Each structure stands twice: as structure tokens, then as C-alpha cells.
Amino acid sequence: MSSSSPTNATPSPTEVYTLADLERWERPGPSTAALGHPVAHSVSPQLHNAALAELSRTKPALKNWMYFKFDVTPEQLPVVLPLFESKNFAGLNLTLPLKVAVVPLLREISDIGRAMGATNTLKRLPGGGWWGNNTDGYGMSQSIQRDLGVNIAGKTVALLGTGGAARAAAVQCLMEKCEHLWIGGRRAHAELHGFFHGDPRMQYFNIAKPPFEKWPDDMLIINATSLGLRHGDALPMDITRLKPAAAVLDMVYRRGETTPFVEAARKHGLRGADGVGMLVWQGALVFEIWTGEKAPAQTMMDAACKALDLPTRNA
């Protein structure tokens, strides 16, 4: 944690600031930041600062923008949000466990943020307060299209997990008119059925016993669980009975290696992609929301791959 004032200092992408740092914050120029607890693992500063460095060469208004990260607990949100506003922060990103907790504190929220019941992106409003949005679904959709060559529309989707990430993914799939949405978990029906008002496209299954016989060959599988983040995690689902036309998106990504779920999918002859593309594309939309400028997506992808010790990929 930082204990020194950031005044006139060049921030490190790996530095983690605190509420105490924010209270002393005197940095000139607009700031943006990722908030979470924990947040040290976030590589969003590398993505955004790389994009800002590139665009500021031709967009002088962005020259003094910088992106930081702050360790913030849900209990601190009512205190830190007005502070970030007063300290000239133009926008904030939220990760776990803040995405849901922040919603009641917002002055305005987008339709998609309200539908998902969570926001990962805040923008400071001219009249005071914060507007919230959620770009996770957009990032997921872009990754599915670009990395897997699949469109959600008309597709049968198996969504693994019932938490906040699964809820955002489910909203995006329904919004993009998937034909069927199977949600796998141990308590999926109880947790999500009411939230989606029993949408007739949705069905539920025990994640340990997938109904392969009811699924089409060209299934899209989305892992919205945290399985795969840690070494030794079990695969979120057995995929050996999936046909080669199926595709797998794993929201998880790992430093220096492909996730085990994606590796297993590829060994089985399936198309597979980890969560790096989703990370980059949700961040690209965030960048555009904050700055009003088109994000240099390839620059952000290059920065993400470098930060995660992964080979360079096309955005």
C-alpha cells in the first residue's frame, strides 16, 4: 500500500493507493482509477495508461489524464465516492466486491446497469454525483465474436455459474436474442429465476450433470465461475461430450498461461478463448465513455498481454 502523497509523482501501474492517499490527493489533471478489494492484481492501469499515452500525442486534452488503482471496501464507498469527485477523478472502474454495493449510491444508472443489477464503470456527472454503467456484457460479446467467430443471436448458450458475472452474462445473452439459455449451478433456479422473471428461453441444470443430449452440436459454453483462477482448480464442466462445432469462452484469465478450461477445449478440438479479450473490450468501451475518443484497442491488447506475460494477440 502507498503511504506517500502522489502529488507531482508519476504513478506506477502496480501501485495500490488507499483512502488515506485519496484524502491527501493533489494531483493536477483528470484522474481515473480501478477500485476493488483486493485490487493489486488489476492490470487495468496498464491498459488505460497505454491508450492515454498513445492518444495524447494527437489529443492534447488527454495529456494529463492518468489511471490508478485504489483498495476500497464496500463500507468505504459512501465516503470515497464524494472524495473522488472532489479530487477531479473523471471516472472509476469497479471490481469485486463493489459492483453491486455501489448501485444505491449512484445519481444515475444506465438501462443495462439497472438490468444487470451491477455497474463496473462510473462517470462523474457535471452537476455532481456519478452515473453508472456496465461494460462487462459488451466485452464478453465482443470477445465471443472476435475470438471465437460466434454470434450470440440465435445461439443456444450454456452459462456456468450463478453469481454476479453470470447475471451480467445472462442479461447480455438475452438482450442479444440467444435462442436458449441454460444456466448451470447448484442453486441456479432459486437465485436467478426470479431475477429474470422466468424468461421462457431460460432453463436450468445441475452443473455436475449437463444435459448434453438436449444440446445442439454448435453450443456456446460460457464459464462465469471463478474456477481456473487458482492452480489445482477443477474444470467448471466436463466437455468431452461436446461436438467440434461447439465453442468455449472462459471469463477467467491467468498470468503466463492459458486457462485449463480453454486448454481442455482446444485439445478436444473446440474453439476456446480466455477472458483477456473480454478484459480488453470492456476496457475499450470504458475508455470511450470517459474520454469521448475511440479507444486504441490493439494498444490496450498489447499492454494486457505484456502485463500478463502472454504472447501478443490481435484485438
Protein backbone atom coordinates (compact mmCIF):
# COMPACT_ATOMS: atom_id res chain seq x y z
CA MET A 1 0.00 0.00 0.00
CA SER A 2 1.12 3.53 -0.64
CA SER A 3 1.71 5.84 2.25
CA SER A 4 3.21 8.77 0.35
CA SER A 5 1.33 11.59 -1.32
CA PRO A 6 1.03 11.21 -5.11
CA THR A 7 1.43 14.95 -5.64
CA ASN A 8 3.53 15.58 -8.78
CA ALA A 9 4.58 11.93 -8.79
CA THR A 10 4.48 9.63 -11.79
CA PRO A 11 2.25 6.73 -10.75
CA SER A 12 3.33 3.17 -11.11
CA PRO A 13 0.81 0.80 -12.72
CA THR A 14 1.48 -1.61 -9.86
CA GLU A 15 0.99 0.93 -7.04
CA VAL A 16 -2.05 0.44 -4.81
CA TYR A 17 -3.45 3.56 -3.16
CA THR A 18 -5.77 3.82 -0.18
CA LEU A 19 -8.40 6.10 1.33
CA ALA A 20 -5.62 7.83 3.25
CA ASP A 21 -3.83 8.59 -0.03
CA LEU A 22 -7.05 9.88 -1.56
CA GLU A 23 -7.56 12.31 1.32
CA ARG A 24 -4.13 13.85 0.52
CA TRP A 25 -4.57 13.68 -3.27
CA GLU A 26 -3.39 16.85 -5.00
CA ARG A 27 -2.59 15.64 -8.49
CA PRO A 28 -3.33 18.12 -11.29
CA GLY A 29 -5.24 16.88 -14.32
CA PRO A 30 -8.09 14.39 -14.60
CA SER A 31 -7.58 11.03 -12.90
CA THR A 32 -9.34 7.71 -13.33
CA ALA A 33 -9.00 4.56 -11.27
CA ALA A 34 -9.90 0.95 -10.60
CA LEU A 35 -11.45 0.29 -7.20
CA GLY A 36 -11.63 -3.13 -5.59
CA HIS A 37 -10.80 -5.21 -2.53
CA PRO A 38 -8.36 -6.65 -3.36
CA VAL A 39 -7.22 -4.70 -6.42
CA ALA A 40 -3.46 -5.33 -6.59
CA HIS A 41 -3.96 -7.94 -9.33
CA SER A 42 -5.67 -5.47 -11.68
CA VAL A 43 -3.86 -4.74 -14.96
CA SER A 44 -6.38 -2.06 -16.00
CA PRO A 45 -3.87 0.75 -15.29
CA GLN A 46 -1.51 -0.71 -17.89
CA LEU A 47 -4.31 -0.89 -20.49
CA HIS A 48 -5.66 2.60 -19.93
CA ASN A 49 -2.35 4.39 -19.43
CA ALA A 50 -1.03 2.83 -22.66
CA ALA A 51 -4.12 4.05 -24.51
CA LEU A 52 -3.85 7.51 -22.98
CA ALA A 53 -0.15 7.75 -23.86
CA GLU A 54 -0.89 6.90 -27.48
CA LEU A 55 -3.86 9.21 -27.98
CA SER A 56 -2.34 12.14 -26.08
CA ARG A 57 0.17 12.53 -28.90
CA THR A 58 -2.64 13.79 -31.12
CA LYS A 59 -5.23 14.71 -28.48
CA PRO A 60 -3.61 17.28 -26.17
CA ALA A 61 -6.65 17.33 -23.88
CA LEU A 62 -5.72 13.80 -22.73
CA LYS A 63 -2.11 14.64 -21.93
CA ASN A 64 -2.61 14.95 -18.16
CA TRP A 65 -5.00 12.02 -17.77
CA MET A 66 -3.78 9.07 -15.69
CA TYR A 67 -5.25 5.82 -14.38
CA PHE A 68 -4.58 4.49 -10.86
CA LYS A 69 -5.90 1.79 -8.56
CA PHE A 70 -7.30 2.01 -5.04
CA ASP A 71 -8.07 -0.64 -2.46
CA VAL A 72 -11.61 0.22 -1.35
CA THR A 73 -14.06 -1.84 0.70
CA PRO A 74 -17.85 -1.72 0.23
CA GLU A 75 -18.14 0.03 3.59
CA GLN A 76 -15.88 2.84 2.36
CA LEU A 77 -17.89 3.60 -0.78
CA PRO A 78 -20.17 6.27 0.75
CA VAL A 79 -17.05 8.14 1.90
CA VAL A 80 -14.76 7.69 -1.10
CA LEU A 81 -17.21 8.48 -3.91
CA PRO A 82 -17.62 12.16 -2.92
CA LEU A 83 -13.87 12.33 -2.31
CA PHE A 84 -13.05 11.01 -5.78
CA GLU A 85 -15.43 13.59 -7.18
CA SER A 86 -13.79 16.45 -5.30
CA LYS A 87 -10.29 15.26 -6.28
CA ASN A 88 -11.03 15.58 -10.02
CA PHE A 89 -11.49 11.91 -10.87
CA ALA A 90 -13.38 11.78 -14.16
CA GLY A 91 -14.24 8.08 -13.97
CA LEU A 92 -13.94 4.95 -11.87
CA ASN A 93 -13.89 1.22 -12.60
CA LEU A 94 -15.29 -1.18 -10.02
CA THR A 95 -14.38 -4.79 -9.47
CA LEU A 96 -15.37 -7.25 -6.77
CA PRO A 97 -16.91 -6.76 -4.28
CA LEU A 98 -18.11 -3.27 -5.25
CA LYS A 99 -20.17 -3.70 -8.43
CA VAL A 100 -23.48 -4.32 -6.67
CA ALA A 101 -22.78 -2.33 -3.49
CA VAL A 102 -22.30 0.91 -5.44
CA VAL A 103 -25.70 0.88 -7.18
CA PRO A 104 -27.72 2.58 -4.39
CA LEU A 105 -25.10 5.34 -4.20
CA LEU A 106 -25.40 6.43 -7.84
CA ARG A 107 -27.23 9.52 -9.01
CA GLU A 108 -27.99 7.91 -12.38
CA ILE A 109 -27.61 4.43 -13.88
CA SER A 110 -27.81 3.13 -17.44
CA ASP A 111 -30.53 0.75 -18.55
CA ILE A 112 -28.01 -2.07 -18.95
CA GLY A 113 -26.55 -1.41 -15.49
CA ARG A 114 -30.03 -1.49 -13.98
CA ALA A 115 -30.86 -4.72 -15.83
CA MET A 116 -27.65 -6.37 -14.61
CA GLY A 117 -28.07 -5.04 -11.08
CA ALA A 118 -24.40 -4.07 -11.05
CA THR A 119 -22.06 -1.46 -12.51
CA ASN A 120 -18.37 -1.68 -13.31
CA THR A 121 -17.99 1.84 -14.73
CA LEU A 122 -18.73 5.24 -13.18
CA LYS A 123 -18.56 8.61 -14.87
CA ARG A 124 -18.62 11.88 -12.94
CA LEU A 125 -21.68 13.96 -13.75
CA PRO A 126 -21.32 17.70 -14.42
CA GLY A 127 -23.90 18.58 -11.78
CA GLY A 128 -22.33 16.30 -9.17
CA GLY A 129 -22.64 12.63 -8.37
CA TRP A 130 -21.92 9.57 -10.50
CA TRP A 131 -23.53 7.81 -13.47
CA GLY A 132 -23.09 4.05 -13.52
CA ASN A 133 -22.87 1.65 -16.44
CA ASN A 134 -21.84 -1.97 -17.03
CA THR A 135 -19.47 -2.80 -19.89
CA ASP A 136 -18.83 -6.44 -18.94
CA GLY A 137 -21.56 -7.79 -21.24
CA TYR A 138 -20.24 -5.76 -24.16
CA GLY A 139 -16.71 -7.02 -23.54
CA MET A 140 -17.97 -10.61 -23.40
CA SER A 141 -19.95 -10.22 -26.62
CA GLN A 142 -17.01 -8.68 -28.48
CA SER A 143 -14.70 -11.48 -27.36
CA ILE A 144 -17.19 -14.14 -28.45
CA GLN A 145 -17.44 -12.54 -31.88
CA ARG A 146 -13.77 -11.73 -32.40
CA ASP A 147 -12.01 -14.62 -30.63
CA LEU A 148 -14.48 -17.42 -31.37
CA GLY A 149 -16.21 -16.23 -34.55
CA VAL A 150 -19.62 -16.76 -32.94
CA ASN A 151 -22.71 -14.56 -32.70
CA ILE A 152 -24.91 -14.90 -29.64
CA ALA A 153 -28.09 -14.21 -31.62
CA GLY A 154 -29.95 -17.45 -32.33
CA LYS A 155 -27.43 -19.50 -30.35
CA THR A 156 -28.05 -21.99 -27.55
CA VAL A 157 -25.83 -20.92 -24.67
CA ALA A 158 -24.79 -22.86 -21.57
CA LEU A 159 -23.79 -20.39 -18.87
CA LEU A 160 -21.79 -21.85 -15.98
CA GLY A 161 -22.27 -20.05 -12.68
CA THR A 162 -24.94 -18.13 -10.81
CA GLY A 163 -23.05 -15.14 -9.35
CA GLY A 164 -22.76 -11.54 -10.47
CA ALA A 165 -20.66 -12.34 -13.54
CA ALA A 166 -23.23 -14.93 -14.64
CA ARG A 167 -26.07 -12.48 -14.15
CA ALA A 168 -24.38 -9.89 -16.36
CA ALA A 169 -23.63 -12.54 -18.98
CA ALA A 170 -27.22 -13.78 -18.89
CA VAL A 171 -28.60 -10.28 -19.43
CA GLN A 172 -26.27 -9.80 -22.43
CA CYS A 173 -27.22 -13.15 -23.97
CA LEU A 174 -30.95 -12.48 -23.59
CA MET A 175 -30.55 -8.93 -24.89
CA GLU A 176 -28.72 -10.22 -27.97
CA LYS A 177 -31.57 -12.68 -28.59
CA CYS A 178 -30.00 -16.05 -27.87
CA GLU A 179 -32.43 -18.84 -28.70
CA HIS A 180 -31.98 -20.76 -25.45
CA LEU A 181 -30.04 -20.04 -22.27
CA TRP A 182 -29.14 -22.93 -20.00
CA ILE A 183 -27.80 -21.84 -16.62
CA GLY A 184 -25.74 -24.32 -14.65
CA GLY A 185 -25.20 -24.25 -10.93
CA ARG A 186 -26.25 -25.88 -7.71
CA ARG A 187 -28.83 -23.21 -6.85
CA ALA A 188 -29.34 -21.60 -10.26
CA HIS A 189 -33.12 -21.77 -10.33
CA ALA A 190 -33.59 -20.22 -6.90
CA GLU A 191 -31.02 -17.47 -7.44
CA LEU A 192 -31.77 -16.35 -10.97
CA HIS A 193 -35.30 -17.40 -11.91
CA GLY A 194 -36.92 -14.55 -10.05
CA PHE A 195 -34.36 -12.01 -11.22
CA PHE A 196 -35.23 -12.73 -14.87
CA HIS A 197 -38.97 -13.07 -14.22
CA GLY A 198 -38.99 -16.60 -15.61
CA ASP A 199 -37.91 -15.75 -19.18
CA PRO A 200 -39.14 -18.73 -21.26
CA ARG A 201 -35.78 -19.02 -23.04
CA MET A 202 -34.09 -19.96 -19.78
CA GLN A 203 -33.62 -23.43 -18.39
CA TYR A 204 -31.52 -24.68 -15.51
CA PHE A 205 -29.29 -27.66 -14.96
CA ASN A 206 -27.05 -29.21 -12.35
CA ILE A 207 -23.54 -28.18 -13.39
CA ALA A 208 -22.29 -31.64 -12.41
CA LYS A 209 -24.73 -33.35 -14.81
CA PRO A 210 -25.01 -31.32 -18.04
CA PRO A 211 -27.90 -32.41 -20.32
CA PHE A 212 -25.68 -32.99 -23.37
CA GLU A 213 -28.40 -34.98 -25.13
CA LYS A 214 -30.61 -31.86 -25.24
CA TRP A 215 -27.97 -29.50 -26.57
CA PRO A 216 -27.21 -28.77 -30.24
CA ASP A 217 -23.78 -29.51 -31.68
CA ASP A 218 -22.85 -25.83 -32.01
CA MET A 219 -23.32 -24.93 -28.34
CA LEU A 220 -21.66 -21.87 -26.86
CA ILE A 221 -20.30 -22.55 -23.36
CA ILE A 222 -19.51 -19.53 -21.12
CA ASN A 223 -17.67 -20.07 -17.85
CA ALA A 224 -18.74 -17.35 -15.41
CA THR A 225 -17.44 -19.17 -12.34
CA SER A 226 -14.09 -18.40 -10.71
CA LEU A 227 -12.81 -21.93 -11.35
CA GLY A 228 -9.48 -21.71 -13.11
CA LEU A 229 -8.13 -18.69 -11.27
CA ARG A 230 -6.11 -20.86 -8.92
CA HIS A 231 -3.79 -23.73 -9.71
CA GLY A 232 -5.43 -27.00 -8.83
CA ASP A 233 -8.99 -25.83 -9.55
CA ALA A 234 -11.26 -28.42 -11.11
CA LEU A 235 -12.66 -27.73 -14.57
CA PRO A 236 -16.06 -26.00 -14.31
CA MET A 237 -17.65 -28.66 -16.54
CA ASP A 238 -16.77 -31.88 -18.34
CA ILE A 239 -16.66 -31.01 -22.03
CA THR A 240 -15.58 -34.34 -23.51
CA ARG A 241 -19.09 -34.96 -24.87
CA LEU A 242 -19.27 -31.66 -26.74
CA LYS A 243 -19.07 -31.75 -30.54
CA PRO A 244 -16.28 -29.95 -32.51
CA ALA A 245 -18.77 -27.27 -33.61
CA ALA A 246 -19.08 -26.07 -30.00
CA ALA A 247 -17.14 -23.08 -28.65
CA VAL A 248 -15.95 -22.16 -25.16
CA LEU A 249 -15.44 -18.73 -23.59
CA ASP A 250 -13.73 -18.75 -20.21
CA MET A 251 -14.13 -15.41 -18.40
CA VAL A 252 -11.09 -16.34 -16.33
CA TYR A 253 -7.58 -15.44 -17.48
CA ARG A 254 -4.23 -16.34 -15.99
CA ARG A 255 -0.79 -14.83 -15.97
CA GLY A 256 1.66 -16.51 -18.32
CA GLU A 257 -0.58 -19.37 -19.47
CA THR A 258 -3.89 -20.38 -20.99
CA THR A 259 -6.61 -21.37 -18.55
CA PRO A 260 -7.08 -25.14 -18.07
CA PHE A 261 -10.67 -24.93 -19.37
CA VAL A 262 -9.58 -23.34 -22.65
CA GLU A 263 -6.67 -25.75 -22.96
CA ALA A 264 -9.00 -28.72 -22.45
CA ALA A 265 -11.44 -27.33 -25.02
CA ARG A 266 -8.73 -26.90 -27.64
CA LYS A 267 -7.34 -30.37 -27.01
CA HIS A 268 -10.85 -31.68 -27.61
CA GLY A 269 -10.97 -29.86 -30.97
CA LEU A 270 -13.18 -26.98 -29.84
CA ARG A 271 -12.67 -23.27 -30.30
CA GLY A 272 -11.69 -21.70 -26.98
CA ALA A 273 -10.84 -18.25 -25.66
CA ASP A 274 -9.93 -16.99 -22.20
CA GLY A 275 -11.02 -13.73 -20.57
CA VAL A 276 -8.27 -11.47 -21.92
CA GLY A 277 -10.33 -10.36 -24.92
CA MET A 278 -13.27 -9.61 -22.65
CA LEU A 279 -10.98 -7.59 -20.37
CA VAL A 280 -9.68 -5.52 -23.28
CA TRP A 281 -13.02 -4.87 -24.97
CA GLN A 282 -14.88 -3.91 -21.82
CA GLY A 283 -11.97 -1.57 -21.10
CA ALA A 284 -12.12 -0.10 -24.60
CA LEU A 285 -15.76 0.86 -24.08
CA VAL A 286 -14.91 2.32 -20.67
CA PHE A 287 -12.19 4.43 -22.29
CA GLU A 288 -14.63 5.77 -24.87
CA ILE A 289 -17.25 6.55 -22.21
CA TRP A 290 -14.76 8.56 -20.18
CA THR A 291 -12.84 10.37 -22.91
CA GLY A 292 -15.25 10.54 -25.84
CA GLU A 293 -12.43 9.20 -28.05
CA LYS A 294 -12.24 5.88 -29.90
CA ALA A 295 -10.07 3.53 -27.90
CA PRO A 296 -6.88 2.13 -29.48
CA ALA A 297 -7.92 -1.48 -28.86
CA GLN A 298 -4.74 -3.09 -30.20
CA THR A 299 -2.62 -0.88 -27.95
CA MET A 300 -4.72 -1.98 -24.99
CA MET A 301 -4.44 -5.63 -26.03
CA ASP A 302 -0.65 -5.32 -26.34
CA ALA A 303 -0.49 -3.77 -22.87
CA ALA A 304 -2.69 -6.51 -21.40
CA CYS A 305 -0.59 -9.29 -22.90
CA LYS A 306 2.62 -7.68 -21.68
CA ALA A 307 1.24 -7.20 -18.17
CA LEU A 308 0.03 -10.82 -18.06
CA ASP A 309 3.19 -12.31 -19.63
CA LEU A 310 1.20 -13.67 -22.57
CA PRO A 311 2.06 -13.76 -26.29
CA THR A 312 0.73 -10.79 -28.24
CA ARG A 313 -2.73 -11.27 -29.74
CA ASN A 314 -4.87 -9.41 -32.24
CA ALA A 315 -7.61 -7.31 -30.71
